[in-house]
């Protein structure tokens, strides 16, 4: 836009906000068990994803011909 006066704009980033402090004694589970559960669920999801992709890719049989198909190639010698 065209204007004769300059406008100062500020951008706020979430990096400048301090992380929420959590008291480890008030957690219901140990903090390491939470991380372990997260990685187990992530690995199970990835394994399930590849299983589904594998089943989808092998869902139909490719047609196999009993006869060999020969394509004649003509060589022109000049």
PDB file of N, CA and C in Angstrom:
ATOM      1  N   UNK A   1       0.838  -1.168   0.000  1.00  0.00           N
ATOM      2  CA  UNK A   1       0.000   0.000   0.000  1.00  0.00           C
ATOM      3  C   UNK A   1       0.882   1.230   0.000  1.00  0.00           C
ATOM      4  N   UNK A   2       0.370   2.295  -0.503  1.00  0.00           N
ATOM      5  CA  UNK A   2       1.142   3.531  -0.591  1.00  0.00           C
ATOM      6  C   UNK A   2       0.665   4.500   0.476  1.00  0.00           C
ATOM      7  N   UNK A   3       1.617   4.971   1.249  1.00  0.00           N
ATOM      8  CA  UNK A   3       1.282   5.926   2.294  1.00  0.00           C
ATOM      9  C   UNK A   3       2.494   6.804   2.547  1.00  0.00           C
ATOM     10  N   UNK A   4       2.243   7.987   3.041  1.00  0.00           N
ATOM     11  CA  UNK A   4       3.345   8.910   3.289  1.00  0.00           C
ATOM     12  C   UNK A   4       4.017   8.667   4.633  1.00  0.00           C
ATOM     13  N   UNK A   5       3.339   8.005   5.555  1.00  0.00           N
ATOM     14  CA  UNK A   5       3.940   7.757   6.864  1.00  0.00           C
ATOM     15  C   UNK A   5       4.331   6.289   6.998  1.00  0.00           C
ATOM     16  N   UNK A   6       5.389   6.062   7.745  1.00  0.00           N
ATOM     17  CA  UNK A   6       5.918   4.706   7.924  1.00  0.00           C
ATOM     18  C   UNK A   6       5.252   4.065   9.132  1.00  0.00           C
ATOM     19  N   UNK A   7       4.854   2.815   8.987  1.00  0.00           N
ATOM     20  CA  UNK A   7       4.171   2.106  10.068  1.00  0.00           C
ATOM     21  C   UNK A   7       5.124   1.079  10.651  1.00  0.00           C
ATOM     22  N   UNK A   8       5.292   1.110  11.978  1.00  0.00           N
ATOM     23  CA  UNK A   8       6.141   0.140  12.669  1.00  0.00           C
ATOM     24  C   UNK A   8       5.299  -1.065  13.049  1.00  0.00           C
ATOM     25  N   UNK A   9       5.695  -2.237  12.572  1.00  0.00           N
ATOM     26  CA  UNK A   9       5.007  -3.475  12.925  1.00  0.00           C
ATOM     27  C   UNK A   9       5.966  -4.370  13.678  1.00  0.00           C
ATOM     28  N   UNK A  10       5.428  -5.105  14.624  1.00  0.00           N
ATOM     29  CA  UNK A  10       6.226  -6.036  15.414  1.00  0.00           C
ATOM     30  C   UNK A  10       5.731  -7.449  15.167  1.00  0.00           C
ATOM     31  N   UNK A  11       6.662  -8.364  15.119  1.00  0.00           N
ATOM     32  CA  UNK A  11       6.315  -9.772  14.988  1.00  0.00           C
ATOM     33  C   UNK A  11       6.676 -10.480  16.278  1.00  0.00           C
ATOM     34  N   UNK A  12       5.745 -11.233  16.782  1.00  0.00           N
ATOM     35  CA  UNK A  12       5.973 -11.944  18.030  1.00  0.00           C
ATOM     36  C   UNK A  12       6.180 -13.419  17.722  1.00  0.00           C
ATOM     37  N   UNK A  13       7.202 -13.980  18.307  1.00  0.00           N
ATOM     38  CA  UNK A  13       7.536 -15.375  18.092  1.00  0.00           C
ATOM     39  C   UNK A  13       7.354 -16.131  19.394  1.00  0.00           C
ATOM     40  N   UNK A  14       6.936 -17.380  19.267  1.00  0.00           N
ATOM     41  CA  UNK A  14       6.756 -18.201  20.461  1.00  0.00           C
ATOM     42  C   UNK A  14       8.083 -18.628  21.078  1.00  0.00           C
ATOM     43  N   UNK A  15       9.172 -18.444  20.355  1.00  0.00           N
ATOM     44  CA  UNK A  15      10.476 -18.797  20.908  1.00  0.00           C
ATOM     45  C   UNK A  15      10.858 -17.904  22.079  1.00  0.00           C
ATOM     46  N   UNK A  16      10.315 -16.723  22.108  1.00  0.00           N
ATOM     47  CA  UNK A  16      10.657 -15.797  23.178  1.00  0.00           C
ATOM     48  C   UNK A  16       9.875 -16.076  24.459  1.00  0.00           C
ATOM     49  N   UNK A  17       8.843 -16.884  24.378  1.00  0.00           N
ATOM     50  CA  UNK A  17       8.030 -17.196  25.553  1.00  0.00           C
ATOM     51  C   UNK A  17       8.709 -18.309  26.334  1.00  0.00           C
ATOM     52  N   UNK A  18       8.792 -18.144  27.632  1.00  0.00           N
ATOM     53  CA  UNK A  18       9.409 -19.164  28.476  1.00  0.00           C
ATOM     54  C   UNK A  18       8.547 -20.415  28.487  1.00  0.00           C
ATOM     55  N   UNK A  19       9.170 -21.609  28.472  1.00  0.00           N
ATOM     56  CA  UNK A  19       8.381 -22.842  28.540  1.00  0.00           C
ATOM     57  C   UNK A  19       7.683 -22.976  29.892  1.00  0.00           C
ATOM     58  N   UNK A  20       6.602 -23.715  29.879  1.00  0.00           N
ATOM     59  CA  UNK A  20       5.828 -23.912  31.099  1.00  0.00           C
ATOM     60  C   UNK A  20       6.622 -24.799  32.039  1.00  0.00           C
ATOM     61  N   UNK A  21       6.766 -24.368  33.263  1.00  0.00           N
ATOM     62  CA  UNK A  21       7.504 -25.177  34.237  1.00  0.00           C
ATOM     63  C   UNK A  21       6.577 -26.233  34.822  1.00  0.00           C
ATOM     64  N   UNK A  22       7.086 -27.461  34.904  1.00  0.00           N
ATOM     65  CA  UNK A  22       6.308 -28.587  35.412  1.00  0.00           C
ATOM     66  C   UNK A  22       7.050 -29.177  36.597  1.00  0.00           C
ATOM     67  N   UNK A  23       6.327 -29.372  37.680  1.00  0.00           N
ATOM     68  CA  UNK A  23       6.909 -30.000  38.859  1.00  0.00           C
ATOM     69  C   UNK A  23       6.891 -31.514  38.650  1.00  0.00           C
ATOM     70  N   UNK A  24       8.060 -32.142  38.663  1.00  0.00           N
ATOM     71  CA  UNK A  24       8.157 -33.575  38.376  1.00  0.00           C
ATOM     72  C   UNK A  24       7.522 -34.422  39.461  1.00  0.00           C
ATOM     73  N   UNK A  25       7.394 -33.902  40.665  1.00  0.00           N
ATOM     74  CA  UNK A  25       6.800 -34.701  41.751  1.00  0.00           C
ATOM     75  C   UNK A  25       5.291 -34.797  41.614  1.00  0.00           C
ATOM     76  N   UNK A  26       4.675 -33.904  40.874  1.00  0.00           N
ATOM     77  CA  UNK A  26       3.219 -33.943  40.721  1.00  0.00           C
ATOM     78  C   UNK A  26       2.773 -34.772  39.523  1.00  0.00           C
ATOM     79  N   UNK A  27       3.726 -35.280  38.726  1.00  0.00           N
ATOM     80  CA  UNK A  27       3.351 -36.101  37.578  1.00  0.00           C
ATOM     81  C   UNK A  27       2.835 -37.451  38.040  1.00  0.00           C
ATOM     82  N   UNK A  28       1.852 -37.964  37.302  1.00  0.00           N
ATOM     83  CA  UNK A  28       1.292 -39.273  37.643  1.00  0.00           C
ATOM     84  C   UNK A  28       2.252 -40.382  37.242  1.00  0.00           C
ATOM     85  N   UNK A  29       2.958 -40.203  36.133  1.00  0.00           N
ATOM     86  CA  UNK A  29       3.906 -41.192  35.639  1.00  0.00           C
ATOM     87  C   UNK A  29       5.309 -40.597  35.664  1.00  0.00           C
ATOM     88  N   UNK A  30       6.285 -41.470  35.612  1.00  0.00           N
ATOM     89  CA  UNK A  30       7.663 -41.011  35.519  1.00  0.00           C
ATOM     90  C   UNK A  30       7.878 -40.358  34.152  1.00  0.00           C
ATOM     91  N   UNK A  31       8.693 -39.323  34.092  1.00  0.00           N
ATOM     92  CA  UNK A  31       8.866 -38.606  32.832  1.00  0.00           C
ATOM     93  C   UNK A  31       9.537 -39.463  31.781  1.00  0.00           C
ATOM     94  N   UNK A  32      10.373 -40.395  32.177  1.00  0.00           N
ATOM     95  CA  UNK A  32      11.018 -41.272  31.196  1.00  0.00           C
ATOM     96  C   UNK A  32      10.042 -42.312  30.660  1.00  0.00           C
ATOM     97  N   UNK A  33       9.113 -42.758  31.478  1.00  0.00           N
ATOM     98  CA  UNK A  33       8.126 -43.717  30.979  1.00  0.00           C
ATOM     99  C   UNK A  33       7.193 -43.056  29.968  1.00  0.00           C
ATOM    100  N   UNK A  34       6.950 -41.774  30.126  1.00  0.00           N
ATOM    101  CA  UNK A  34       6.128 -41.061  29.142  1.00  0.00           C
ATOM    102  C   UNK A  34       6.841 -41.027  27.792  1.00  0.00           C
ATOM    103  N   UNK A  35       8.139 -40.784  27.809  1.00  0.00           N
ATOM    104  CA  UNK A  35       8.917 -40.756  26.564  1.00  0.00           C
ATOM    105  C   UNK A  35       8.973 -42.142  25.938  1.00  0.00           C
ATOM    106  N   UNK A  36       9.152 -43.177  26.757  1.00  0.00           N
ATOM    107  CA  UNK A  36       9.196 -44.551  26.245  1.00  0.00           C
ATOM    108  C   UNK A  36       7.862 -44.931  25.615  1.00  0.00           C
ATOM    109  N   UNK A  37       6.764 -44.574  26.262  1.00  0.00           N
ATOM    110  CA  UNK A  37       5.438 -44.868  25.709  1.00  0.00           C
ATOM    111  C   UNK A  37       5.246 -44.136  24.378  1.00  0.00           C
ATOM    112  N   UNK A  38       5.712 -42.899  24.304  1.00  0.00           N
ATOM    113  CA  UNK A  38       5.610 -42.140  23.052  1.00  0.00           C
ATOM    114  C   UNK A  38       6.349 -42.840  21.921  1.00  0.00           C
ATOM    115  N   UNK A  39       7.582 -43.298  22.169  1.00  0.00           N
ATOM    116  CA  UNK A  39       8.367 -43.947  21.119  1.00  0.00           C
ATOM    117  C   UNK A  39       7.778 -45.299  20.737  1.00  0.00           C
ATOM    118  N   UNK A  40       7.220 -46.019  21.692  1.00  0.00           N
ATOM    119  CA  UNK A  40       6.583 -47.307  21.377  1.00  0.00           C
ATOM    120  C   UNK A  40       5.361 -47.091  20.489  1.00  0.00           C
ATOM    121  N   UNK A  41       4.558 -46.094  20.823  1.00  0.00           N
ATOM    122  CA  UNK A  41       3.377 -45.802  20.004  1.00  0.00           C
ATOM    123  C   UNK A  41       3.792 -45.339  18.608  1.00  0.00           C
ATOM    124  N   UNK A  42       4.835 -44.529  18.527  1.00  0.00           N
ATOM    125  CA  UNK A  42       5.322 -44.069  17.224  1.00  0.00           C
ATOM    126  C   UNK A  42       5.848 -45.227  16.382  1.00  0.00           C
ATOM    127  N   UNK A  43       6.604 -46.137  17.003  1.00  0.00           N
ATOM    128  CA  UNK A  43       7.125 -47.298  16.271  1.00  0.00           C
ATOM    129  C   UNK A  43       5.990 -48.216  15.827  1.00  0.00           C
ATOM    130  N   UNK A  44       4.968 -48.393  16.670  1.00  0.00           N
ATOM    131  CA  UNK A  44       3.829 -49.231  16.296  1.00  0.00           C
ATOM    132  C   UNK A  44       3.058 -48.608  15.134  1.00  0.00           C
ATOM    133  N   UNK A  45       2.914 -47.306  15.148  1.00  0.00           N
ATOM    134  CA  UNK A  45       2.219 -46.632  14.053  1.00  0.00           C
ATOM    135  C   UNK A  45       2.982 -46.790  12.742  1.00  0.00           C
ATOM    136  N   UNK A  46       4.293 -46.618  12.781  1.00  0.00           N
ATOM    137  CA  UNK A  46       5.102 -46.760  11.567  1.00  0.00           C
ATOM    138  C   UNK A  46       5.068 -48.203  11.072  1.00  0.00           C
ATOM    139  N   UNK A  47       5.147 -49.171  11.983  1.00  0.00           N
ATOM    140  CA  UNK A  47       5.048 -50.573  11.587  1.00  0.00           C
ATOM    141  C   UNK A  47       3.700 -50.901  10.974  1.00  0.00           C
ATOM    142  N   UNK A  48       2.628 -50.392  11.571  1.00  0.00           N
ATOM    143  CA  UNK A  48       1.288 -50.611  11.030  1.00  0.00           C
ATOM    144  C   UNK A  48       1.143 -49.946   9.663  1.00  0.00           C
ATOM    145  N   UNK A  49       1.737 -48.777   9.508  1.00  0.00           N
ATOM    146  CA  UNK A  49       1.692 -48.059   8.235  1.00  0.00           C
ATOM    147  C   UNK A  49       2.372 -48.858   7.130  1.00  0.00           C
ATOM    148  N   UNK A  50       3.558 -49.384   7.396  1.00  0.00           N
ATOM    149  CA  UNK A  50       4.257 -50.176   6.384  1.00  0.00           C
ATOM    150  C   UNK A  50       3.558 -51.509   6.125  1.00  0.00           C
ATOM    151  N   UNK A  51       2.925 -52.075   7.123  1.00  0.00           N
ATOM    152  CA  UNK A  51       2.153 -53.301   6.913  1.00  0.00           C
ATOM    153  C   UNK A  51       0.982 -53.041   5.972  1.00  0.00           C
ATOM    154  N   UNK A  52       0.278 -51.966   6.190  1.00  0.00           N
ATOM    155  CA  UNK A  52      -0.849 -51.621   5.319  1.00  0.00           C
ATOM    156  C   UNK A  52      -0.364 -51.345   3.896  1.00  0.00           C
ATOM    157  N   UNK A  53       0.745 -50.614   3.762  1.00  0.00           N
ATOM    158  CA  UNK A  53       1.277 -50.356   2.419  1.00  0.00           C
ATOM    159  C   UNK A  53       1.714 -51.642   1.730  1.00  0.00           C
ATOM    160  N   UNK A  54       2.284 -52.552   2.487  1.00  0.00           N
ATOM    161  CA  UNK A  54       2.700 -53.831   1.913  1.00  0.00           C
ATOM    162  C   UNK A  54       1.494 -54.643   1.459  1.00  0.00           C
ATOM    163  N   UNK A  55       0.440 -54.653   2.253  1.00  0.00           N
ATOM    164  CA  UNK A  55      -0.759 -55.395   1.870  1.00  0.00           C
ATOM    165  C   UNK A  55      -1.447 -54.761   0.664  1.00  0.00           C
ATOM    166  N   UNK A  56      -1.426 -53.465   0.584  1.00  0.00           N
ATOM    167  CA  UNK A  56      -2.044 -52.795  -0.559  1.00  0.00           C
ATOM    168  C   UNK A  56      -1.263 -53.090  -1.837  1.00  0.00           C
ATOM    169  N   UNK A  57       0.055 -53.089  -1.746  1.00  0.00           N
ATOM    170  CA  UNK A  57       0.849 -53.301  -2.954  1.00  0.00           C
ATOM    171  C   UNK A  57       0.807 -54.748  -3.435  1.00  0.00           C
ATOM    172  N   UNK A  58       0.495 -55.705  -2.574  1.00  0.00           N
ATOM    173  CA  UNK A  58       0.410 -57.113  -2.969  1.00  0.00           C
ATOM    174  C   UNK A  58      -1.033 -57.600  -3.044  1.00  0.00           C
ATOM    175  N   UNK A  59      -1.965 -56.688  -3.226  1.00  0.00           N
ATOM    176  CA  UNK A  59      -3.368 -57.073  -3.166  1.00  0.00           C
ATOM    177  C   UNK A  59      -3.848 -57.790  -4.424  1.00  0.00           C
ATOM    178  N   UNK A  60      -3.192 -57.593  -5.547  1.00  0.00           N
ATOM    179  CA  UNK A  60      -3.642 -58.269  -6.763  1.00  0.00           C
ATOM    180  C   UNK A  60      -2.470 -58.976  -7.421  1.00  0.00           C
ATOM    181  N   UNK A  61      -2.794 -60.080  -8.082  1.00  0.00           N
ATOM    182  CA  UNK A  61      -1.785 -60.853  -8.790  1.00  0.00           C
ATOM    183  C   UNK A  61      -1.574 -60.240 -10.172  1.00  0.00           C
ATOM    184  N   UNK A  62      -0.337 -60.127 -10.552  1.00  0.00           N
ATOM    185  CA  UNK A  62      -0.054 -59.672 -11.896  1.00  0.00           C
ATOM    186  C   UNK A  62      -0.293 -60.816 -12.874  1.00  0.00           C
ATOM    187  N   UNK A  63      -0.855 -60.540 -14.040  1.00  0.00           N
ATOM    188  CA  UNK A  63      -1.125 -61.621 -14.999  1.00  0.00           C
ATOM    189  C   UNK A  63       0.177 -62.213 -15.525  1.00  0.00           C
ATOM    190  N   UNK A  64       0.262 -63.525 -15.456  1.00  0.00           N
ATOM    191  CA  UNK A  64       1.447 -64.222 -15.959  1.00  0.00           C
ATOM    192  C   UNK A  64       1.067 -64.953 -17.242  1.00  0.00           C
ATOM    193  N   UNK A  65       1.784 -64.657 -18.280  1.00  0.00           N
ATOM    194  CA  UNK A  65       1.503 -65.263 -19.569  1.00  0.00           C
ATOM    195  C   UNK A  65       2.278 -66.577 -19.677  1.00  0.00           C
ATOM    196  N   UNK A  66       1.625 -67.613 -20.228  1.00  0.00           N
ATOM    197  CA  UNK A  66       2.295 -68.901 -20.411  1.00  0.00           C
ATOM    198  C   UNK A  66       3.121 -68.913 -21.688  1.00  0.00           C
ATOM    199  N   UNK A  67       2.816 -68.012 -22.598  1.00  0.00           N
ATOM    200  CA  UNK A  67       3.560 -67.941 -23.847  1.00  0.00           C
ATOM    201  C   UNK A  67       4.538 -66.771 -23.775  1.00  0.00           C
ATOM    202  N   UNK A  68       5.681 -66.991 -24.374  1.00  0.00           N
ATOM    203  CA  UNK A  68       6.648 -65.909 -24.449  1.00  0.00           C
ATOM    204  C   UNK A  68       6.305 -65.026 -25.633  1.00  0.00           C
ATOM    205  N   UNK A  69       6.405 -63.765 -25.430  1.00  0.00           N
ATOM    206  CA  UNK A  69       6.073 -62.815 -26.477  1.00  0.00           C
ATOM    207  C   UNK A  69       7.357 -62.399 -27.174  1.00  0.00           C
ATOM    208  N   UNK A  70       7.436 -62.730 -28.466  1.00  0.00           N
ATOM    209  CA  UNK A  70       8.612 -62.376 -29.248  1.00  0.00           C
ATOM    210  C   UNK A  70       8.266 -61.203 -30.152  1.00  0.00           C
ATOM    211  N   UNK A  71       9.081 -60.202 -30.094  1.00  0.00           N
ATOM    212  CA  UNK A  71       8.907 -59.050 -30.964  1.00  0.00           C
ATOM    213  C   UNK A  71       9.988 -59.135 -32.034  1.00  0.00           C
ATOM    214  N   UNK A  72       9.597 -59.310 -33.289  1.00  0.00           N
ATOM    215  CA  UNK A  72      10.617 -59.414 -34.346  1.00  0.00           C
ATOM    216  C   UNK A  72      11.321 -58.080 -34.552  1.00  0.00           C
ATOM    217  N   UNK A  73      12.613 -58.157 -34.627  1.00  0.00           N
ATOM    218  CA  UNK A  73      13.427 -56.965 -34.857  1.00  0.00           C
ATOM    219  C   UNK A  73      14.065 -57.116 -36.228  1.00  0.00           C
ATOM    220  N   UNK A  74      13.808 -56.188 -37.092  1.00  0.00           N
ATOM    221  CA  UNK A  74      14.344 -56.218 -38.446  1.00  0.00           C
ATOM    222  C   UNK A  74      15.570 -55.329 -38.504  1.00  0.00           C
ATOM    223  N   UNK A  75      16.655 -55.927 -38.966  1.00  0.00           N
ATOM    224  CA  UNK A  75      17.889 -55.165 -39.118  1.00  0.00           C
ATOM    225  C   UNK A  75      18.049 -54.800 -40.586  1.00  0.00           C
ATOM    226  N   UNK A  76      18.207 -53.558 -40.832  1.00  0.00           N
ATOM    227  CA  UNK A  76      18.428 -53.092 -42.205  1.00  0.00           C
ATOM    228  C   UNK A  76      19.919 -52.874 -42.390  1.00  0.00           C
ATOM    229  N   UNK A  77      20.506 -53.695 -43.214  1.00  0.00           N
ATOM    230  CA  UNK A  77      21.935 -53.570 -43.501  1.00  0.00           C
ATOM    231  C   UNK A  77      22.072 -52.759 -44.782  1.00  0.00           C
ATOM    232  N   UNK A  78      22.729 -51.673 -44.727  1.00  0.00           N
ATOM    233  CA  UNK A  78      22.896 -50.876 -45.945  1.00  0.00           C
ATOM    234  C   UNK A  78      24.355 -50.601 -46.202  1.00  0.00           C
TER     235      UNK A  78
END
